[in-house]
Amino acid sequence: MAKERKFDFAPLPLPEVQEDEPVIAITPAPADVTDGAPTKVTFDCDFVLMENMKDYGYWEGLTQKDIIIESLKLYFQDKEIRPRPDKIRNRTKVGRKPKSALV
């Protein structure tokens, strides 16, 4: 017969946020870009960097998505971002067509 055991679960530690820090706001360079649905991205990453991100996310209670988005915000914080030329921006996409367009 299994014994009934009661466990006490401690809440995950939340990242400390100082109220003195300014809020980082990144505005897209082109005015016609709207903040719509998120874009899925896939890329190769060094194994050690990925493991570090997983370990950090585990102990801080963050997702990999949260870590990458925060990292990109910090990276672009002090950069000058120039928009791509319209010819490049409006270029048709190369690759496989989505299954919904094949019907």
Protein backbone atom coordinates (compact mmCIF):
# COMPACT_ATOMS: atom_id res chain seq x y z
CA MET A 1 0.00 0.00 0.00
CA ALA A 2 1.37 3.37 -0.98
CA LYS A 3 1.79 5.96 1.74
CA GLU A 4 0.15 9.30 1.32
CA ARG A 5 2.79 11.97 1.27
CA LYS A 6 2.15 15.67 1.29
CA PHE A 7 4.64 17.86 -0.47
CA ASP A 8 5.20 21.57 0.00
CA PHE A 9 5.96 23.27 -3.29
CA ALA A 10 7.92 26.49 -3.20
CA PRO A 11 7.14 29.07 -5.89
CA LEU A 12 9.68 29.64 -8.62
CA PRO A 13 11.87 32.68 -8.03
CA LEU A 14 10.84 35.62 -10.16
CA PRO A 15 13.48 37.81 -11.78
CA GLU A 16 13.97 40.93 -9.74
CA VAL A 17 12.96 44.11 -11.53
CA GLN A 18 14.24 47.42 -10.26
CA GLU A 19 11.78 50.26 -10.57
CA ASP A 20 14.59 52.76 -11.24
CA GLU A 21 15.48 51.22 -14.59
CA PRO A 22 14.07 52.92 -17.70
CA VAL A 23 11.69 50.89 -19.80
CA ILE A 24 13.31 49.71 -23.02
CA ALA A 25 11.08 50.53 -25.95
CA ILE A 26 12.11 49.49 -29.41
CA THR A 27 10.22 51.01 -32.28
CA PRO A 28 10.58 49.53 -35.74
CA ALA A 29 12.39 51.74 -38.22
CA PRO A 30 9.81 51.69 -41.04
CA ALA A 31 6.50 53.33 -40.24
CA ASP A 32 4.44 50.80 -42.23
CA VAL A 33 5.41 47.83 -40.04
CA THR A 34 2.61 46.86 -37.69
CA ASP A 35 2.93 44.84 -34.53
CA GLY A 36 0.96 41.85 -35.76
CA ALA A 37 1.30 38.15 -35.27
CA PRO A 38 4.73 36.92 -34.21
CA THR A 39 7.01 35.43 -36.85
CA LYS A 40 8.43 31.96 -36.38
CA VAL A 41 12.15 31.68 -36.96
CA THR A 42 14.49 28.72 -37.23
CA PHE A 43 18.25 29.00 -37.08
CA ASP A 44 21.36 27.05 -36.17
CA CYS A 45 22.88 27.82 -32.80
CA ASP A 46 26.07 26.73 -31.07
CA PHE A 47 25.36 23.79 -28.74
CA VAL A 48 27.06 25.43 -25.74
CA LEU A 49 25.03 28.63 -26.14
CA MET A 50 21.81 26.63 -26.37
CA GLU A 51 22.64 24.62 -23.25
CA ASN A 52 23.51 27.81 -21.36
CA MET A 53 20.18 29.32 -22.39
CA LYS A 54 18.26 26.21 -21.28
CA ASP A 55 20.07 26.13 -17.92
CA TYR A 56 19.53 29.84 -17.31
CA GLY A 57 15.88 29.62 -18.29
CA TYR A 58 15.32 26.67 -15.98
CA TRP A 59 16.70 28.41 -12.90
CA GLU A 60 15.21 31.83 -13.66
CA GLY A 61 11.80 30.49 -14.69
CA LEU A 62 12.05 31.92 -18.21
CA THR A 63 11.28 30.39 -21.58
CA GLN A 64 13.79 30.24 -24.39
CA LYS A 65 11.57 32.66 -26.30
CA ASP A 66 11.72 35.19 -23.44
CA ILE A 67 15.51 34.95 -23.27
CA ILE A 68 15.98 35.41 -27.03
CA ILE A 69 13.56 38.35 -27.25
CA GLU A 70 15.20 40.10 -24.29
CA SER A 71 18.65 39.45 -25.78
CA LEU A 72 17.59 40.95 -29.13
CA LYS A 73 16.12 44.01 -27.40
CA LEU A 74 19.35 44.59 -25.51
CA TYR A 75 21.44 44.03 -28.65
CA PHE A 76 19.49 46.56 -30.73
CA GLN A 77 19.11 49.07 -27.90
CA ASP A 78 22.04 51.28 -28.92
CA LYS A 79 22.18 50.44 -32.64
CA GLU A 80 21.09 52.62 -35.53
CA ILE A 81 18.69 50.59 -37.65
CA ARG A 82 18.24 51.62 -41.25
CA PRO A 83 15.33 50.13 -43.21
CA ARG A 84 16.06 47.89 -46.17
CA PRO A 85 15.40 49.29 -49.65
CA ASP A 86 11.84 48.76 -50.92
CA LYS A 87 13.16 46.61 -53.77
CA ILE A 88 14.60 44.14 -51.28
CA ARG A 89 11.73 44.40 -48.78
CA ASN A 90 9.01 43.69 -51.41
CA ARG A 91 10.89 40.85 -53.11
CA THR A 92 8.86 37.69 -53.54
CA LYS A 93 9.70 34.89 -51.16
CA VAL A 94 11.70 31.98 -52.49
CA GLY A 95 11.04 28.46 -51.29
CA ARG A 96 8.23 26.01 -50.81
CA LYS A 97 4.70 27.25 -51.03
CA PRO A 98 2.48 26.75 -47.99
CA LYS A 99 0.18 23.73 -48.16
CA SER A 100 -2.88 25.97 -48.04
CA ALA A 101 -1.83 27.59 -51.35
CA LEU A 102 -1.40 24.25 -53.11
CA VAL A 103 -5.11 23.37 -53.08
